[in-house]
PDB file of N, CA and C in Angstrom:
ATOM      1  N   UNK A   1     -41.064 -27.239  -6.903  1.00  0.00           N
ATOM      2  CA  UNK A   1     -40.243 -26.281  -7.621  1.00  0.00           C
ATOM      3  C   UNK A   1     -40.493 -24.875  -7.041  1.00  0.00           C
ATOM      4  N   UNK A   2     -39.429 -24.099  -6.924  1.00  0.00           N
ATOM      5  CA  UNK A   2     -39.541 -22.763  -6.361  1.00  0.00           C
ATOM      6  C   UNK A   2     -40.067 -21.771  -7.395  1.00  0.00           C
ATOM      7  N   UNK A   3     -40.808 -20.808  -6.912  1.00  0.00           N
ATOM      8  CA  UNK A   3     -41.313 -19.743  -7.778  1.00  0.00           C
ATOM      9  C   UNK A   3     -40.302 -18.598  -7.805  1.00  0.00           C
ATOM     10  N   UNK A   4     -40.267 -17.877  -8.898  1.00  0.00           N
ATOM     11  CA  UNK A   4     -39.390 -16.712  -9.022  1.00  0.00           C
ATOM     12  C   UNK A   4     -40.049 -15.553  -8.283  1.00  0.00           C
ATOM     13  N   UNK A   5     -39.312 -14.957  -7.375  1.00  0.00           N
ATOM     14  CA  UNK A   5     -39.820 -13.830  -6.610  1.00  0.00           C
ATOM     15  C   UNK A   5     -38.946 -12.604  -6.892  1.00  0.00           C
ATOM     16  N   UNK A   6     -39.507 -11.602  -7.560  1.00  0.00           N
ATOM     17  CA  UNK A   6     -38.716 -10.413  -7.882  1.00  0.00           C
ATOM     18  C   UNK A   6     -38.268  -9.648  -6.644  1.00  0.00           C
ATOM     19  N   UNK A   7     -39.006  -9.739  -5.552  1.00  0.00           N
ATOM     20  CA  UNK A   7     -38.620  -9.050  -4.322  1.00  0.00           C
ATOM     21  C   UNK A   7     -37.308  -9.569  -3.773  1.00  0.00           C
ATOM     22  N   UNK A   8     -37.109 -10.879  -3.831  1.00  0.00           N
ATOM     23  CA  UNK A   8     -35.859 -11.469  -3.339  1.00  0.00           C
ATOM     24  C   UNK A   8     -34.683 -11.057  -4.211  1.00  0.00           C
ATOM     25  N   UNK A   9     -34.914 -11.023  -5.513  1.00  0.00           N
ATOM     26  CA  UNK A   9     -33.845 -10.608  -6.420  1.00  0.00           C
ATOM     27  C   UNK A   9     -33.449  -9.160  -6.142  1.00  0.00           C
ATOM     28  N   UNK A  10     -34.429  -8.305  -5.943  1.00  0.00           N
ATOM     29  CA  UNK A  10     -34.152  -6.911  -5.638  1.00  0.00           C
ATOM     30  C   UNK A  10     -33.412  -6.783  -4.307  1.00  0.00           C
ATOM     31  N   UNK A  11     -33.807  -7.572  -3.325  1.00  0.00           N
ATOM     32  CA  UNK A  11     -33.145  -7.524  -2.018  1.00  0.00           C
ATOM     33  C   UNK A  11     -31.690  -7.974  -2.134  1.00  0.00           C
ATOM     34  N   UNK A  12     -31.411  -9.014  -2.898  1.00  0.00           N
ATOM     35  CA  UNK A  12     -30.034  -9.497  -3.053  1.00  0.00           C
ATOM     36  C   UNK A  12     -29.177  -8.486  -3.821  1.00  0.00           C
ATOM     37  N   UNK A  13     -29.767  -7.849  -4.840  1.00  0.00           N
ATOM     38  CA  UNK A  13     -29.021  -6.835  -5.586  1.00  0.00           C
ATOM     39  C   UNK A  13     -28.718  -5.622  -4.714  1.00  0.00           C
ATOM     40  N   UNK A  14     -29.664  -5.225  -3.879  1.00  0.00           N
ATOM     41  CA  UNK A  14     -29.441  -4.106  -2.975  1.00  0.00           C
ATOM     42  C   UNK A  14     -28.361  -4.450  -1.952  1.00  0.00           C
ATOM     43  N   UNK A  15     -28.396  -5.639  -1.417  1.00  0.00           N
ATOM     44  CA  UNK A  15     -27.381  -6.081  -0.463  1.00  0.00           C
ATOM     45  C   UNK A  15     -25.998  -6.106  -1.111  1.00  0.00           C
ATOM     46  N   UNK A  16     -25.910  -6.603  -2.325  1.00  0.00           N
ATOM     47  CA  UNK A  16     -24.623  -6.649  -3.027  1.00  0.00           C
ATOM     48  C   UNK A  16     -24.095  -5.240  -3.290  1.00  0.00           C
ATOM     49  N   UNK A  17     -24.970  -4.309  -3.638  1.00  0.00           N
ATOM     50  CA  UNK A  17     -24.540  -2.933  -3.891  1.00  0.00           C
ATOM     51  C   UNK A  17     -24.057  -2.279  -2.606  1.00  0.00           C
ATOM     52  N   UNK A  18     -24.731  -2.532  -1.499  1.00  0.00           N
ATOM     53  CA  UNK A  18     -24.307  -1.958  -0.230  1.00  0.00           C
ATOM     54  C   UNK A  18     -22.958  -2.513   0.219  1.00  0.00           C
ATOM     55  N   UNK A  19     -22.764  -3.799   0.048  1.00  0.00           N
ATOM     56  CA  UNK A  19     -21.497  -4.401   0.455  1.00  0.00           C
ATOM     57  C   UNK A  19     -20.352  -3.965  -0.455  1.00  0.00           C
ATOM     58  N   UNK A  20     -20.628  -3.735  -1.711  1.00  0.00           N
ATOM     59  CA  UNK A  20     -19.577  -3.318  -2.638  1.00  0.00           C
ATOM     60  C   UNK A  20     -19.150  -1.875  -2.386  1.00  0.00           C
ATOM     61  N   UNK A  21     -20.027  -1.039  -1.876  1.00  0.00           N
ATOM     62  CA  UNK A  21     -19.715   0.361  -1.684  1.00  0.00           C
ATOM     63  C   UNK A  21     -19.229   0.710  -0.299  1.00  0.00           C
ATOM     64  N   UNK A  22     -19.071  -0.258   0.585  1.00  0.00           N
ATOM     65  CA  UNK A  22     -18.727   0.074   1.967  1.00  0.00           C
ATOM     66  C   UNK A  22     -17.220   0.096   2.212  1.00  0.00           C
ATOM     67  N   UNK A  23     -16.398  -0.069   1.188  1.00  0.00           N
ATOM     68  CA  UNK A  23     -14.957  -0.106   1.394  1.00  0.00           C
ATOM     69  C   UNK A  23     -14.280   1.246   1.295  1.00  0.00           C
ATOM     70  N   UNK A  24     -15.040   2.298   1.078  1.00  0.00           N
ATOM     71  CA  UNK A  24     -14.446   3.626   0.941  1.00  0.00           C
ATOM     72  C   UNK A  24     -13.919   4.114   2.279  1.00  0.00           C
ATOM     73  N   UNK A  25     -12.687   4.557   2.296  1.00  0.00           N
ATOM     74  CA  UNK A  25     -12.084   5.101   3.510  1.00  0.00           C
ATOM     75  C   UNK A  25     -11.558   6.491   3.210  1.00  0.00           C
ATOM     76  N   UNK A  26     -11.615   7.349   4.176  1.00  0.00           N
ATOM     77  CA  UNK A  26     -11.105   8.694   4.006  1.00  0.00           C
ATOM     78  C   UNK A  26     -12.184   9.638   3.517  1.00  0.00           C
ATOM     79  N   UNK A  27     -11.823  10.878   3.304  1.00  0.00           N
ATOM     80  CA  UNK A  27     -12.801  11.883   2.897  1.00  0.00           C
ATOM     81  C   UNK A  27     -13.294  11.639   1.474  1.00  0.00           C
ATOM     82  N   UNK A  28     -14.517  12.042   1.205  1.00  0.00           N
ATOM     83  CA  UNK A  28     -15.092  11.874  -0.114  1.00  0.00           C
ATOM     84  C   UNK A  28     -14.959  13.151  -0.939  1.00  0.00           C
ATOM     85  N   UNK A  29     -14.004  13.995  -0.597  1.00  0.00           N
ATOM     86  CA  UNK A  29     -13.765  15.234  -1.322  1.00  0.00           C
ATOM     87  C   UNK A  29     -12.261  15.441  -1.397  1.00  0.00           C
ATOM     88  N   UNK A  30     -11.847  16.315  -2.280  1.00  0.00           N
ATOM     89  CA  UNK A  30     -10.422  16.632  -2.377  1.00  0.00           C
ATOM     90  C   UNK A  30     -10.095  17.664  -1.307  1.00  0.00           C
ATOM     91  N   UNK A  31      -9.209  17.338  -0.388  1.00  0.00           N
ATOM     92  CA  UNK A  31      -8.869  18.310   0.652  1.00  0.00           C
ATOM     93  C   UNK A  31      -8.118  19.498   0.061  1.00  0.00           C
ATOM     94  N   UNK A  32      -8.344  20.656   0.658  1.00  0.00           N
ATOM     95  CA  UNK A  32      -7.644  21.854   0.190  1.00  0.00           C
ATOM     96  C   UNK A  32      -6.175  21.759   0.592  1.00  0.00           C
ATOM     97  N   UNK A  33      -5.302  22.073  -0.341  1.00  0.00           N
ATOM     98  CA  UNK A  33      -3.877  22.003  -0.033  1.00  0.00           C
ATOM     99  C   UNK A  33      -3.495  23.196   0.849  1.00  0.00           C
ATOM    100  N   UNK A  34      -2.623  22.999   1.823  1.00  0.00           N
ATOM    101  CA  UNK A  34      -2.234  24.115   2.685  1.00  0.00           C
ATOM    102  C   UNK A  34      -1.442  25.153   1.896  1.00  0.00           C
ATOM    103  N   UNK A  35      -1.591  26.392   2.285  1.00  0.00           N
ATOM    104  CA  UNK A  35      -0.886  27.476   1.598  1.00  0.00           C
ATOM    105  C   UNK A  35       0.606  27.348   1.870  1.00  0.00           C
ATOM    106  N   UNK A  36       1.390  27.337   0.828  1.00  0.00           N
ATOM    107  CA  UNK A  36       2.836  27.216   0.970  1.00  0.00           C
ATOM    108  C   UNK A  36       3.468  28.576   0.675  1.00  0.00           C
ATOM    109  N   UNK A  37       4.444  28.959   1.473  1.00  0.00           N
ATOM    110  CA  UNK A  37       5.096  30.244   1.224  1.00  0.00           C
ATOM    111  C   UNK A  37       5.837  30.210  -0.109  1.00  0.00           C
ATOM    112  N   UNK A  38       5.806  31.337  -0.804  1.00  0.00           N
ATOM    113  CA  UNK A  38       6.473  31.422  -2.102  1.00  0.00           C
ATOM    114  C   UNK A  38       7.984  31.477  -1.882  1.00  0.00           C
ATOM    115  N   UNK A  39       8.682  30.561  -2.505  1.00  0.00           N
ATOM    116  CA  UNK A  39      10.137  30.555  -2.387  1.00  0.00           C
ATOM    117  C   UNK A  39      10.739  31.247  -3.604  1.00  0.00           C
ATOM    118  N   UNK A  40      11.717  32.098  -3.397  1.00  0.00           N
ATOM    119  CA  UNK A  40      12.327  32.782  -4.545  1.00  0.00           C
ATOM    120  C   UNK A  40      13.084  31.767  -5.405  1.00  0.00           C
ATOM    121  N   UNK A  41      12.974  31.948  -6.705  1.00  0.00           N
ATOM    122  CA  UNK A  41      13.658  31.038  -7.618  1.00  0.00           C
ATOM    123  C   UNK A  41      15.140  31.375  -7.653  1.00  0.00           C
ATOM    124  N   UNK A  42      15.956  30.352  -7.702  1.00  0.00           N
ATOM    125  CA  UNK A  42      17.397  30.559  -7.761  1.00  0.00           C
ATOM    126  C   UNK A  42      17.822  30.552  -9.224  1.00  0.00           C
ATOM    127  N   UNK A  43      18.686  31.477  -9.606  1.00  0.00           N
ATOM    128  CA  UNK A  43      19.149  31.476 -10.996  1.00  0.00           C
ATOM    129  C   UNK A  43      20.000  30.230 -11.260  1.00  0.00           C
ATOM    130  N   UNK A  44      19.956  29.724 -12.476  1.00  0.00           N
ATOM    131  CA  UNK A  44      20.761  28.546 -12.786  1.00  0.00           C
ATOM    132  C   UNK A  44      22.249  28.864 -12.682  1.00  0.00           C
ATOM    133  N   UNK A  45      22.991  27.908 -12.195  1.00  0.00           N
ATOM    134  CA  UNK A  45      24.437  28.115 -12.070  1.00  0.00           C
ATOM    135  C   UNK A  45      25.115  27.818 -13.415  1.00  0.00           C
ATOM    136  N   UNK A  46      26.097  28.637 -13.756  1.00  0.00           N
ATOM    137  CA  UNK A  46      26.802  28.471 -15.030  1.00  0.00           C
ATOM    138  C   UNK A  46      27.962  27.510 -14.826  1.00  0.00           C
ATOM    139  N   UNK A  47      28.105  26.580 -15.742  1.00  0.00           N
ATOM    140  CA  UNK A  47      29.224  25.632 -15.686  1.00  0.00           C
ATOM    141  C   UNK A  47      30.369  26.183 -16.511  1.00  0.00           C
ATOM    142  N   UNK A  48      31.590  26.095 -16.001  1.00  0.00           N
ATOM    143  CA  UNK A  48      32.736  26.618 -16.777  1.00  0.00           C
ATOM    144  C   UNK A  48      33.089  25.761 -17.967  1.00  0.00           C
TER     145      UNK A  48
END
């Protein structure tokens, strides 16, 4: 019969955590939005 080894359990949990977290793609921060020129607002058109 096999003995329970806490080291193996810890190693398997660490491996599972590493594999679960490796799917992140792209930057890990919110990129700054580029400055957009201010467009003048157009007045609403009146319907006859």
